[in-house]
Amino acid sequence: MQDFPIFPDQASTVAWQVDAIYFTLVALSVFFSIAIAAAITFFAIRYRKGNNVDRSNPMEENTVLELSWSIIPFILAMGVFGWSAVVFITIRTPPVDAVEVYVIGKQWMWHAQHPSGKSEINELHVPVDTPVKLIMTSQDVIHDFFIPAFRVKQDVVPGRYSMLWFEATKPGEYHLFCAEYCGTEHSVMVGTVTVLEQAEYENWIGGDAADEPLAVAGERLFTENGCISCHNGEPGAIGPPIANETIFGETREFEDGTSLTVDEAYIRDSILNPQAHIVAGYAPVMPSFDGQLSEQSLLQLIEYIKTQ
């Protein structure tokens, strides 16, 4: 059990908060379970049939008692709820300066792709004391990215992007699991998260000059697939401008009056299902690239668009 402790190390900024909530819930559950069991046992013995006790003038109501057993648990429950909500919001809100890594789940492995071009299989190298944001999708079925030592986990769903972030606090190696049954080899879909000191991470991420940055590969795909001809931003172009335009994080208005913020999910949908949202002022003429681009190619195009 040395490699599988009952309680893994607390190796992220949020780990102690998750543990504190967990142990608080366990303590409250144990306290009330024992209190209720003790009360039931006491009254069952005290007032059992044949026991010589005073049963005259039975109490019909006790306002103070009834208010106490209603208000006190309510306050405790709402307190835990509010505390948990704050931690949940923290877990779901990554810092704006977080290091981004793309993750693709597939039967039965994890593929991590760094924007610099570095890629990994069933491994993830991250710097210590630095927020890391994972942008994840699945190539086949639902998976679940789970790092017990960081107390973070997130479903990875085909056809959409999900987000997970953490900030590791201790250098070392930590278990990575798929926590969603995904097929016959689910049990072997494991990996390692390696947390490095900042200098070691910089050496690792820049150690292979042959790695092509995602944005560079995405620019090549943007040209090879003819995207540049429609999205060049020149007068008369039939598609909204992308090349040399800052669109990521901006709000786009559509012909039907709705709007969306340009993020990874919007860019992916625009490539695979371009008729879903028609930008105001443009005709619905873009063809779908569904089935023509791999998940890796989509990530490259997304990173290129993000860096414009």
C-alpha atoms as a PDB file:
ATOM      1  CA  MET A   1       0.000   0.000   0.000  1.00  0.00           C
ATOM      2  CA  GLN A   2       3.031   2.326  -0.046  1.00  0.00           C
ATOM      3  CA  ASP A   3       2.133   3.657  -3.506  1.00  0.00           C
ATOM      4  CA  PHE A   4      -1.596   3.806  -2.712  1.00  0.00           C
ATOM      5  CA  PRO A   5      -2.043   5.512   0.667  1.00  0.00           C
ATOM      6  CA  ILE A   6      -5.536   5.923   2.087  1.00  0.00           C
ATOM      7  CA  PHE A   7      -5.029   9.683   1.966  1.00  0.00           C
ATOM      8  CA  PRO A   8      -2.618  10.800  -0.779  1.00  0.00           C
ATOM      9  CA  ASP A   9      -0.256  13.713  -0.266  1.00  0.00           C
ATOM     10  CA  GLN A  10      -1.752  17.180  -0.330  1.00  0.00           C
ATOM     11  CA  ALA A  11       0.206  18.463  -3.310  1.00  0.00           C
ATOM     12  CA  SER A  12      -1.883  21.351  -4.646  1.00  0.00           C
ATOM     13  CA  THR A  13      -3.238  24.646  -3.385  1.00  0.00           C
ATOM     14  CA  VAL A  14      -6.788  23.319  -3.246  1.00  0.00           C
ATOM     15  CA  ALA A  15      -6.049  19.900  -1.729  1.00  0.00           C
ATOM     16  CA  TRP A  16      -6.212  20.983   1.915  1.00  0.00           C
ATOM     17  CA  GLN A  17      -9.513  22.796   1.297  1.00  0.00           C
ATOM     18  CA  VAL A  18     -11.111  19.703  -0.237  1.00  0.00           C
ATOM     19  CA  ASP A  19      -9.815  17.567   2.648  1.00  0.00           C
ATOM     20  CA  ALA A  20     -11.106  20.049   5.237  1.00  0.00           C
ATOM     21  CA  ILE A  21     -14.617  19.857   3.772  1.00  0.00           C
ATOM     22  CA  TYR A  22     -14.414  16.063   3.582  1.00  0.00           C
ATOM     23  CA  PHE A  23     -13.340  15.615   7.202  1.00  0.00           C
ATOM     24  CA  THR A  24     -15.921  18.155   8.382  1.00  0.00           C
ATOM     25  CA  LEU A  25     -18.674  16.159   6.661  1.00  0.00           C
ATOM     26  CA  VAL A  26     -17.336  12.917   8.140  1.00  0.00           C
ATOM     27  CA  ALA A  27     -17.184  14.459  11.633  1.00  0.00           C
ATOM     28  CA  LEU A  28     -20.752  15.805  11.392  1.00  0.00           C
ATOM     29  CA  SER A  29     -22.009  12.472  10.071  1.00  0.00           C
ATOM     30  CA  VAL A  30     -20.316  10.523  12.869  1.00  0.00           C
ATOM     31  CA  PHE A  31     -21.525  12.958  15.557  1.00  0.00           C
ATOM     32  CA  PHE A  32     -25.174  12.896  14.528  1.00  0.00           C
ATOM     33  CA  SER A  33     -25.143   9.150  13.819  1.00  0.00           C
ATOM     34  CA  ILE A  34     -23.839   8.421  17.315  1.00  0.00           C
ATOM     35  CA  ALA A  35     -26.190  10.975  18.933  1.00  0.00           C
ATOM     36  CA  ILE A  36     -29.281   9.572  17.192  1.00  0.00           C
ATOM     37  CA  ALA A  37     -28.274   5.943  17.810  1.00  0.00           C
ATOM     38  CA  ALA A  38     -27.608   6.732  21.480  1.00  0.00           C
ATOM     39  CA  ALA A  39     -30.987   8.478  21.839  1.00  0.00           C
ATOM     40  CA  ILE A  40     -32.829   5.563  20.213  1.00  0.00           C
ATOM     41  CA  THR A  41     -31.023   3.058  22.428  1.00  0.00           C
ATOM     42  CA  PHE A  42     -31.683   5.099  25.597  1.00  0.00           C
ATOM     43  CA  PHE A  43     -35.408   5.550  24.957  1.00  0.00           C
ATOM     44  CA  ALA A  44     -35.860   1.933  23.821  1.00  0.00           C
ATOM     45  CA  ILE A  45     -34.368   0.678  27.095  1.00  0.00           C
ATOM     46  CA  ARG A  46     -35.822   3.382  29.370  1.00  0.00           C
ATOM     47  CA  TYR A  47     -39.385   3.053  28.117  1.00  0.00           C
ATOM     48  CA  ARG A  48     -39.493  -0.590  27.123  1.00  0.00           C
ATOM     49  CA  LYS A  49     -42.661  -2.513  27.862  1.00  0.00           C
ATOM     50  CA  GLY A  50     -42.864  -3.538  31.501  1.00  0.00           C
ATOM     51  CA  ASN A  51     -40.301  -1.024  32.724  1.00  0.00           C
ATOM     52  CA  ASN A  52     -41.524   0.820  35.803  1.00  0.00           C
ATOM     53  CA  VAL A  53     -41.490   4.478  34.682  1.00  0.00           C
ATOM     54  CA  ASP A  54     -43.934   7.356  34.969  1.00  0.00           C
ATOM     55  CA  ARG A  55     -46.044   7.451  31.788  1.00  0.00           C
ATOM     56  CA  SER A  56     -48.625   9.935  33.020  1.00  0.00           C
ATOM     57  CA  ASN A  57     -49.074  13.416  31.530  1.00  0.00           C
ATOM     58  CA  PRO A  58     -47.052  12.762  28.334  1.00  0.00           C
ATOM     59  CA  MET A  59     -45.485  15.822  26.645  1.00  0.00           C
ATOM     60  CA  GLU A  60     -47.320  16.824  23.449  1.00  0.00           C
ATOM     61  CA  GLU A  61     -44.977  19.574  22.217  1.00  0.00           C
ATOM     62  CA  ASN A  62     -41.757  21.383  23.074  1.00  0.00           C
ATOM     63  CA  THR A  63     -41.197  24.474  20.925  1.00  0.00           C
ATOM     64  CA  VAL A  64     -37.627  25.065  22.059  1.00  0.00           C
ATOM     65  CA  LEU A  65     -36.633  21.462  21.355  1.00  0.00           C
ATOM     66  CA  GLU A  66     -38.313  21.432  17.939  1.00  0.00           C
ATOM     67  CA  LEU A  67     -36.713  24.720  16.911  1.00  0.00           C
ATOM     68  CA  SER A  68     -33.322  23.501  18.125  1.00  0.00           C
ATOM     69  CA  TRP A  69     -33.294  20.299  16.119  1.00  0.00           C
ATOM     70  CA  SER A  70     -34.447  22.209  13.034  1.00  0.00           C
ATOM     71  CA  ILE A  71     -32.386  25.401  13.189  1.00  0.00           C
ATOM     72  CA  ILE A  72     -29.033  23.932  14.310  1.00  0.00           C
ATOM     73  CA  PRO A  73     -28.803  21.315  11.506  1.00  0.00           C
ATOM     74  CA  PHE A  74     -29.996  23.958   9.018  1.00  0.00           C
ATOM     75  CA  ILE A  75     -27.213  26.340  10.047  1.00  0.00           C
ATOM     76  CA  LEU A  76     -24.629  23.548   9.859  1.00  0.00           C
ATOM     77  CA  ALA A  77     -25.881  22.377   6.442  1.00  0.00           C
ATOM     78  CA  MET A  78     -25.949  25.881   4.945  1.00  0.00           C
ATOM     79  CA  GLY A  79     -22.521  26.611   6.423  1.00  0.00           C
ATOM     80  CA  VAL A  80     -21.007  23.548   4.760  1.00  0.00           C
ATOM     81  CA  PHE A  81     -22.882  24.361   1.532  1.00  0.00           C
ATOM     82  CA  GLY A  82     -21.550  27.931   1.434  1.00  0.00           C
ATOM     83  CA  TRP A  83     -18.026  26.791   2.233  1.00  0.00           C
ATOM     84  CA  SER A  84     -18.183  24.090  -0.478  1.00  0.00           C
ATOM     85  CA  ALA A  85     -19.568  26.583  -3.005  1.00  0.00           C
ATOM     86  CA  VAL A  86     -16.620  28.927  -2.436  1.00  0.00           C
ATOM     87  CA  VAL A  87     -14.136  26.066  -2.942  1.00  0.00           C
ATOM     88  CA  PHE A  88     -16.042  24.873  -6.031  1.00  0.00           C
ATOM     89  CA  ILE A  89     -15.916  28.340  -7.584  1.00  0.00           C
ATOM     90  CA  THR A  90     -12.182  28.475  -6.852  1.00  0.00           C
ATOM     91  CA  ILE A  91     -11.654  25.110  -8.567  1.00  0.00           C
ATOM     92  CA  ARG A  92     -13.715  26.178 -11.595  1.00  0.00           C
ATOM     93  CA  THR A  93     -12.046  29.595 -12.083  1.00  0.00           C
ATOM     94  CA  PRO A  94      -8.487  29.342 -13.432  1.00  0.00           C
ATOM     95  CA  PRO A  95      -6.124  32.319 -13.108  1.00  0.00           C
ATOM     96  CA  VAL A  96      -5.713  34.326 -16.305  1.00  0.00           C
ATOM     97  CA  ASP A  97      -1.956  33.681 -16.335  1.00  0.00           C
ATOM     98  CA  ALA A  98      -2.240  29.880 -16.068  1.00  0.00           C
ATOM     99  CA  VAL A  99       0.032  27.724 -18.237  1.00  0.00           C
ATOM    100  CA  GLU A 100      -2.179  25.946 -20.780  1.00  0.00           C
ATOM    101  CA  VAL A 101      -1.860  22.304 -21.785  1.00  0.00           C
ATOM    102  CA  TYR A 102      -4.170  20.408 -24.141  1.00  0.00           C
ATOM    103  CA  VAL A 103      -5.187  16.866 -23.152  1.00  0.00           C
ATOM    104  CA  ILE A 104      -6.848  14.252 -25.385  1.00  0.00           C
ATOM    105  CA  GLY A 105      -8.260  11.104 -23.819  1.00  0.00           C
ATOM    106  CA  LYS A 106      -8.551   7.999 -25.952  1.00  0.00           C
ATOM    107  CA  GLN A 107      -8.909   4.285 -25.336  1.00  0.00           C
ATOM    108  CA  TRP A 108      -6.753   3.739 -23.396  1.00  0.00           C
ATOM    109  CA  MET A 109      -4.204   6.523 -22.944  1.00  0.00           C
ATOM    110  CA  TRP A 110      -3.761  10.205 -22.172  1.00  0.00           C
ATOM    111  CA  HIS A 111      -2.140  12.446 -24.780  1.00  0.00           C
ATOM    112  CA  ALA A 112      -0.840  15.761 -23.437  1.00  0.00           C
ATOM    113  CA  GLN A 113       0.104  18.483 -25.908  1.00  0.00           C
ATOM    114  CA  HIS A 114       2.005  21.590 -24.813  1.00  0.00           C
ATOM    115  CA  PRO A 115       1.659  24.751 -26.959  1.00  0.00           C
ATOM    116  CA  SER A 116       5.426  24.740 -27.428  1.00  0.00           C
ATOM    117  CA  GLY A 117       5.100  21.512 -29.424  1.00  0.00           C
ATOM    118  CA  LYS A 118       6.172  19.125 -26.682  1.00  0.00           C
ATOM    119  CA  SER A 119       3.837  16.136 -26.409  1.00  0.00           C
ATOM    120  CA  GLU A 120       3.543  13.289 -23.912  1.00  0.00           C
ATOM    121  CA  ILE A 121       1.758   9.964 -23.602  1.00  0.00           C
ATOM    122  CA  ASN A 122       0.442   9.019 -20.131  1.00  0.00           C
ATOM    123  CA  GLU A 123       2.712  11.662 -18.621  1.00  0.00           C
ATOM    124  CA  LEU A 124       2.291  15.304 -17.765  1.00  0.00           C
ATOM    125  CA  HIS A 125       5.171  17.585 -16.776  1.00  0.00           C
ATOM    126  CA  VAL A 126       4.220  20.815 -15.006  1.00  0.00           C
ATOM    127  CA  PRO A 127       6.104  23.507 -13.062  1.00  0.00           C
ATOM    128  CA  VAL A 128       5.739  23.850  -9.294  1.00  0.00           C
ATOM    129  CA  ASP A 129       3.942  26.872  -7.778  1.00  0.00           C
ATOM    130  CA  THR A 130       2.474  27.765 -11.178  1.00  0.00           C
ATOM    131  CA  PRO A 131      -1.211  27.566 -12.168  1.00  0.00           C
ATOM    132  CA  VAL A 132      -1.763  25.019 -14.946  1.00  0.00           C
ATOM    133  CA  LYS A 133      -4.956  24.949 -17.026  1.00  0.00           C
ATOM    134  CA  LEU A 134      -5.864  21.752 -18.863  1.00  0.00           C
ATOM    135  CA  ILE A 135      -8.131  22.028 -21.931  1.00  0.00           C
ATOM    136  CA  MET A 136      -9.423  18.495 -22.458  1.00  0.00           C
ATOM    137  CA  THR A 137     -11.491  16.462 -24.893  1.00  0.00           C
ATOM    138  CA  SER A 138     -12.013  12.806 -25.744  1.00  0.00           C
ATOM    139  CA  GLN A 139     -11.469  11.073 -29.058  1.00  0.00           C
ATOM    140  CA  ASP A 140     -13.924   8.235 -28.387  1.00  0.00           C
ATOM    141  CA  VAL A 141     -15.868   7.749 -25.120  1.00  0.00           C
ATOM    142  CA  ILE A 142     -16.225   9.566 -21.801  1.00  0.00           C
ATOM    143  CA  HIS A 143     -13.078   9.495 -19.673  1.00  0.00           C
ATOM    144  CA  ASP A 144     -12.272  11.231 -16.396  1.00  0.00           C
ATOM    145  CA  PHE A 145      -8.968  12.964 -15.624  1.00  0.00           C
ATOM    146  CA  PHE A 146      -8.168  12.381 -11.932  1.00  0.00           C
ATOM    147  CA  ILE A 147      -5.068  13.364  -9.909  1.00  0.00           C
ATOM    148  CA  PRO A 148      -5.708  12.218  -6.306  1.00  0.00           C
ATOM    149  CA  ALA A 149      -2.804  14.164  -4.766  1.00  0.00           C
ATOM    150  CA  PHE A 150      -4.161  17.398  -6.238  1.00  0.00           C
ATOM    151  CA  ARG A 151      -7.793  16.559  -5.293  1.00  0.00           C
ATOM    152  CA  VAL A 152      -8.983  17.481  -8.788  1.00  0.00           C
ATOM    153  CA  LYS A 153     -10.929  15.479 -11.357  1.00  0.00           C
ATOM    154  CA  GLN A 154     -12.950  16.302 -14.454  1.00  0.00           C
ATOM    155  CA  ASP A 155     -14.953  14.336 -17.012  1.00  0.00           C
ATOM    156  CA  VAL A 156     -13.446  14.366 -20.508  1.00  0.00           C
ATOM    157  CA  VAL A 157     -16.278  14.232 -23.032  1.00  0.00           C
ATOM    158  CA  PRO A 158     -16.146  13.546 -26.801  1.00  0.00           C
ATOM    159  CA  GLY A 159     -17.245  16.429 -28.981  1.00  0.00           C
ATOM    160  CA  ARG A 160     -16.618  19.198 -26.462  1.00  0.00           C
ATOM    161  CA  TYR A 161     -13.904  20.792 -24.356  1.00  0.00           C
ATOM    162  CA  SER A 162     -13.808  20.648 -20.572  1.00  0.00           C
ATOM    163  CA  MET A 163     -11.438  22.543 -18.311  1.00  0.00           C
ATOM    164  CA  LEU A 164      -9.447  21.635 -15.221  1.00  0.00           C
ATOM    165  CA  TRP A 165      -6.814  23.667 -13.407  1.00  0.00           C
ATOM    166  CA  PHE A 166      -4.481  23.191 -10.463  1.00  0.00           C
ATOM    167  CA  GLU A 167      -1.368  24.624  -8.893  1.00  0.00           C
ATOM    168  CA  ALA A 168       1.090  22.005  -7.653  1.00  0.00           C
ATOM    169  CA  THR A 169       2.927  22.852  -4.444  1.00  0.00           C
ATOM    170  CA  LYS A 170       5.421  19.964  -4.132  1.00  0.00           C
ATOM    171  CA  PRO A 171       7.922  18.673  -6.697  1.00  0.00           C
ATOM    172  CA  GLY A 172       7.612  14.951  -7.289  1.00  0.00           C
ATOM    173  CA  GLU A 173       5.695  12.303  -9.205  1.00  0.00           C
ATOM    174  CA  TYR A 174       1.954  11.757  -8.682  1.00  0.00           C
ATOM    175  CA  HIS A 175      -0.578   9.212  -9.920  1.00  0.00           C
ATOM    176  CA  LEU A 176      -2.892  10.038 -12.808  1.00  0.00           C
ATOM    177  CA  PHE A 177      -6.003   7.900 -13.335  1.00  0.00           C
ATOM    178  CA  CYS A 178      -9.039   7.639 -15.562  1.00  0.00           C
ATOM    179  CA  ALA A 179     -11.915   7.665 -13.066  1.00  0.00           C
ATOM    180  CA  GLU A 180     -14.695   6.826 -15.550  1.00  0.00           C
ATOM    181  CA  TYR A 181     -15.140   3.256 -16.815  1.00  0.00           C
ATOM    182  CA  CYS A 182     -14.247   3.520 -20.490  1.00  0.00           C
ATOM    183  CA  GLY A 183     -13.894  -0.046 -21.773  1.00  0.00           C
ATOM    184  CA  THR A 184     -12.065  -3.317 -21.288  1.00  0.00           C
ATOM    185  CA  GLU A 185      -8.640  -1.713 -20.731  1.00  0.00           C
ATOM    186  CA  HIS A 186      -9.884   1.024 -18.407  1.00  0.00           C
ATOM    187  CA  SER A 187      -7.638  -0.218 -15.598  1.00  0.00           C
ATOM    188  CA  VAL A 188      -4.463   0.422 -17.609  1.00  0.00           C
ATOM    189  CA  MET A 189      -5.381   4.023 -18.473  1.00  0.00           C
ATOM    190  CA  VAL A 190      -3.012   5.440 -15.880  1.00  0.00           C
ATOM    191  CA  GLY A 191      -0.142   7.882 -15.970  1.00  0.00           C
ATOM    192  CA  THR A 192       2.198  10.109 -14.010  1.00  0.00           C
ATOM    193  CA  VAL A 193       2.154  13.821 -13.303  1.00  0.00           C
ATOM    194  CA  THR A 194       5.698  15.068 -12.751  1.00  0.00           C
ATOM    195  CA  VAL A 195       6.057  18.368 -10.919  1.00  0.00           C
ATOM    196  CA  LEU A 196       9.384  20.098 -11.596  1.00  0.00           C
ATOM    197  CA  GLU A 197      11.122  23.110 -10.156  1.00  0.00           C
ATOM    198  CA  GLN A 198      10.750  26.125 -12.431  1.00  0.00           C
ATOM    199  CA  ALA A 199      14.296  25.927 -13.846  1.00  0.00           C
ATOM    200  CA  GLU A 200      13.986  22.174 -14.464  1.00  0.00           C
ATOM    201  CA  TYR A 201      10.656  22.709 -16.206  1.00  0.00           C
ATOM    202  CA  GLU A 202      12.100  25.411 -18.472  1.00  0.00           C
ATOM    203  CA  ASN A 203      14.926  23.054 -19.450  1.00  0.00           C
ATOM    204  CA  TRP A 204      12.455  20.228 -20.077  1.00  0.00           C
ATOM    205  CA  ILE A 205       9.927  22.226 -22.120  1.00  0.00           C
ATOM    206  CA  GLY A 206      12.644  23.716 -24.332  1.00  0.00           C
ATOM    207  CA  GLY A 207      14.865  20.672 -24.517  1.00  0.00           C
ATOM    208  CA  ASP A 208      13.963  19.482 -28.026  1.00  0.00           C
ATOM    209  CA  ALA A 209      14.329  22.028 -30.814  1.00  0.00           C
ATOM    210  CA  ALA A 210      12.604  19.630 -33.235  1.00  0.00           C
ATOM    211  CA  ASP A 211       9.238  20.146 -31.539  1.00  0.00           C
ATOM    212  CA  GLU A 212       7.025  22.361 -33.683  1.00  0.00           C
ATOM    213  CA  PRO A 213       4.911  24.847 -31.691  1.00  0.00           C
ATOM    214  CA  LEU A 214       1.169  24.285 -32.041  1.00  0.00           C
ATOM    215  CA  ALA A 215       0.618  27.805 -33.369  1.00  0.00           C
ATOM    216  CA  VAL A 216       3.160  27.258 -36.168  1.00  0.00           C
ATOM    217  CA  ALA A 217       1.554  23.963 -37.178  1.00  0.00           C
ATOM    218  CA  GLY A 218      -1.858  25.619 -36.955  1.00  0.00           C
ATOM    219  CA  GLU A 219      -0.796  28.444 -39.259  1.00  0.00           C
ATOM    220  CA  ARG A 220       0.318  25.893 -41.842  1.00  0.00           C
ATOM    221  CA  LEU A 221      -3.024  24.065 -41.591  1.00  0.00           C
ATOM    222  CA  PHE A 222      -4.839  27.396 -41.841  1.00  0.00           C
ATOM    223  CA  THR A 223      -3.157  27.975 -45.186  1.00  0.00           C
ATOM    224  CA  GLU A 224      -3.207  24.412 -46.511  1.00  0.00           C
ATOM    225  CA  ASN A 225      -6.941  24.022 -45.912  1.00  0.00           C
ATOM    226  CA  GLY A 226      -7.761  27.277 -47.660  1.00  0.00           C
ATOM    227  CA  CYS A 227      -8.936  29.093 -44.525  1.00  0.00           C
ATOM    228  CA  ILE A 228      -6.746  32.087 -45.350  1.00  0.00           C
ATOM    229  CA  SER A 229      -8.657  32.783 -48.568  1.00  0.00           C
ATOM    230  CA  CYS A 230     -11.937  33.455 -46.740  1.00  0.00           C
ATOM    231  CA  HIS A 231     -10.695  34.746 -43.374  1.00  0.00           C
ATOM    232  CA  ASN A 232      -7.887  37.111 -44.407  1.00  0.00           C
ATOM    233  CA  GLY A 233      -9.711  40.257 -43.301  1.00  0.00           C
ATOM    234  CA  GLU A 234      -9.386  41.933 -46.690  1.00  0.00           C
ATOM    235  CA  PRO A 235     -12.278  43.842 -48.304  1.00  0.00           C
ATOM    236  CA  GLY A 236     -14.679  41.453 -49.997  1.00  0.00           C
ATOM    237  CA  ALA A 237     -13.629  38.393 -47.942  1.00  0.00           C
ATOM    238  CA  ILE A 238     -16.580  36.039 -47.503  1.00  0.00           C
ATOM    239  CA  GLY A 239     -15.679  35.005 -43.948  1.00  0.00           C
ATOM    240  CA  PRO A 240     -15.115  37.005 -40.755  1.00  0.00           C
ATOM    241  CA  PRO A 241     -11.467  38.052 -40.244  1.00  0.00           C
ATOM    242  CA  ILE A 242      -9.157  35.688 -38.350  1.00  0.00           C
ATOM    243  CA  ALA A 243      -5.609  36.083 -39.711  1.00  0.00           C
ATOM    244  CA  ASN A 244      -3.788  38.879 -37.867  1.00  0.00           C
ATOM    245  CA  GLU A 245      -6.933  39.617 -35.855  1.00  0.00           C
ATOM    246  CA  THR A 246      -7.440  39.366 -32.105  1.00  0.00           C
ATOM    247  CA  ILE A 247     -10.693  37.461 -31.754  1.00  0.00           C
ATOM    248  CA  PHE A 248     -10.061  35.078 -28.838  1.00  0.00           C
ATOM    249  CA  GLY A 249     -11.963  36.267 -25.782  1.00  0.00           C
ATOM    250  CA  GLU A 250     -14.020  38.712 -27.830  1.00  0.00           C
ATOM    251  CA  THR A 251     -17.808  38.577 -28.182  1.00  0.00           C
ATOM    252  CA  ARG A 252     -19.271  37.719 -31.579  1.00  0.00           C
ATOM    253  CA  GLU A 253     -22.764  38.701 -32.658  1.00  0.00           C
ATOM    254  CA  PHE A 254     -24.752  36.284 -34.819  1.00  0.00           C
ATOM    255  CA  GLU A 255     -27.425  36.669 -37.445  1.00  0.00           C
ATOM    256  CA  ASP A 256     -30.123  35.324 -35.110  1.00  0.00           C
ATOM    257  CA  GLY A 257     -29.393  38.034 -32.536  1.00  0.00           C
ATOM    258  CA  THR A 258     -27.498  35.806 -30.098  1.00  0.00           C
ATOM    259  CA  SER A 259     -23.842  36.161 -29.163  1.00  0.00           C
ATOM    260  CA  LEU A 260     -21.004  34.071 -27.771  1.00  0.00           C
ATOM    261  CA  THR A 261     -17.539  34.636 -26.372  1.00  0.00           C
ATOM    262  CA  VAL A 262     -14.839  33.265 -28.643  1.00  0.00           C
ATOM    263  CA  ASP A 263     -13.192  30.404 -26.723  1.00  0.00           C
ATOM    264  CA  GLU A 264     -11.800  26.980 -27.572  1.00  0.00           C
ATOM    265  CA  ALA A 265     -15.259  25.389 -27.748  1.00  0.00           C
ATOM    266  CA  TYR A 266     -16.616  28.090 -30.083  1.00  0.00           C
ATOM    267  CA  ILE A 267     -13.640  27.781 -32.462  1.00  0.00           C
ATOM    268  CA  ARG A 268     -13.987  23.988 -32.532  1.00  0.00           C
ATOM    269  CA  ASP A 269     -17.716  24.193 -33.271  1.00  0.00           C
ATOM    270  CA  SER A 270     -17.096  26.783 -35.980  1.00  0.00           C
ATOM    271  CA  ILE A 271     -14.738  24.379 -37.750  1.00  0.00           C
ATOM    272  CA  LEU A 272     -16.823  21.224 -37.404  1.00  0.00           C
ATOM    273  CA  ASN A 273     -20.340  22.705 -37.486  1.00  0.00           C
ATOM    274  CA  PRO A 274     -20.034  26.178 -39.042  1.00  0.00           C
ATOM    275  CA  GLN A 275     -23.780  26.520 -39.714  1.00  0.00           C
ATOM    276  CA  ALA A 276     -24.591  26.482 -35.984  1.00  0.00           C
ATOM    277  CA  HIS A 277     -23.598  30.135 -35.519  1.00  0.00           C
ATOM    278  CA  ILE A 278     -23.525  32.508 -38.490  1.00  0.00           C
ATOM    279  CA  VAL A 279     -21.609  35.707 -37.738  1.00  0.00           C
ATOM    280  CA  ALA A 280     -23.705  38.799 -38.391  1.00  0.00           C
ATOM    281  CA  GLY A 281     -23.044  40.265 -41.834  1.00  0.00           C
ATOM    282  CA  TYR A 282     -21.772  37.043 -43.415  1.00  0.00           C
ATOM    283  CA  ALA A 283     -23.427  34.337 -45.496  1.00  0.00           C
ATOM    284  CA  PRO A 284     -23.574  30.669 -44.347  1.00  0.00           C
ATOM    285  CA  VAL A 285     -21.093  29.425 -46.948  1.00  0.00           C
ATOM    286  CA  MET A 286     -18.369  27.753 -44.881  1.00  0.00           C
ATOM    287  CA  PRO A 287     -18.170  23.946 -45.375  1.00  0.00           C
ATOM    288  CA  SER A 288     -17.846  21.566 -42.444  1.00  0.00           C
ATOM    289  CA  PHE A 289     -14.449  20.002 -41.736  1.00  0.00           C
ATOM    290  CA  ASP A 290     -15.977  17.276 -39.563  1.00  0.00           C
ATOM    291  CA  GLY A 291     -14.117  14.012 -40.249  1.00  0.00           C
ATOM    292  CA  GLN A 292     -11.356  15.806 -42.159  1.00  0.00           C
ATOM    293  CA  LEU A 293      -9.311  17.042 -39.206  1.00  0.00           C
ATOM    294  CA  SER A 294      -7.977  15.068 -36.263  1.00  0.00           C
ATOM    295  CA  GLU A 295      -8.274  16.293 -32.678  1.00  0.00           C
ATOM    296  CA  GLN A 296      -4.575  17.158 -32.836  1.00  0.00           C
ATOM    297  CA  SER A 297      -5.144  19.295 -35.950  1.00  0.00           C
ATOM    298  CA  LEU A 298      -8.052  21.056 -34.260  1.00  0.00           C
ATOM    299  CA  LEU A 299      -5.827  21.918 -31.299  1.00  0.00           C
ATOM    300  CA  GLN A 300      -3.194  23.317 -33.665  1.00  0.00           C
ATOM    301  CA  LEU A 301      -5.738  25.525 -35.426  1.00  0.00           C
ATOM    302  CA  ILE A 302      -7.190  26.695 -32.113  1.00  0.00           C
ATOM    303  CA  GLU A 303      -3.765  27.625 -30.757  1.00  0.00           C
ATOM    304  CA  TYR A 304      -2.958  29.534 -33.972  1.00  0.00           C
ATOM    305  CA  ILE A 305      -6.181  31.516 -33.721  1.00  0.00           C
ATOM    306  CA  LYS A 306      -5.585  32.206 -30.016  1.00  0.00           C
ATOM    307  CA  THR A 307      -2.132  33.636 -30.710  1.00  0.00           C
ATOM    308  CA  GLN A 308      -3.264  36.075 -33.419  1.00  0.00           C
END
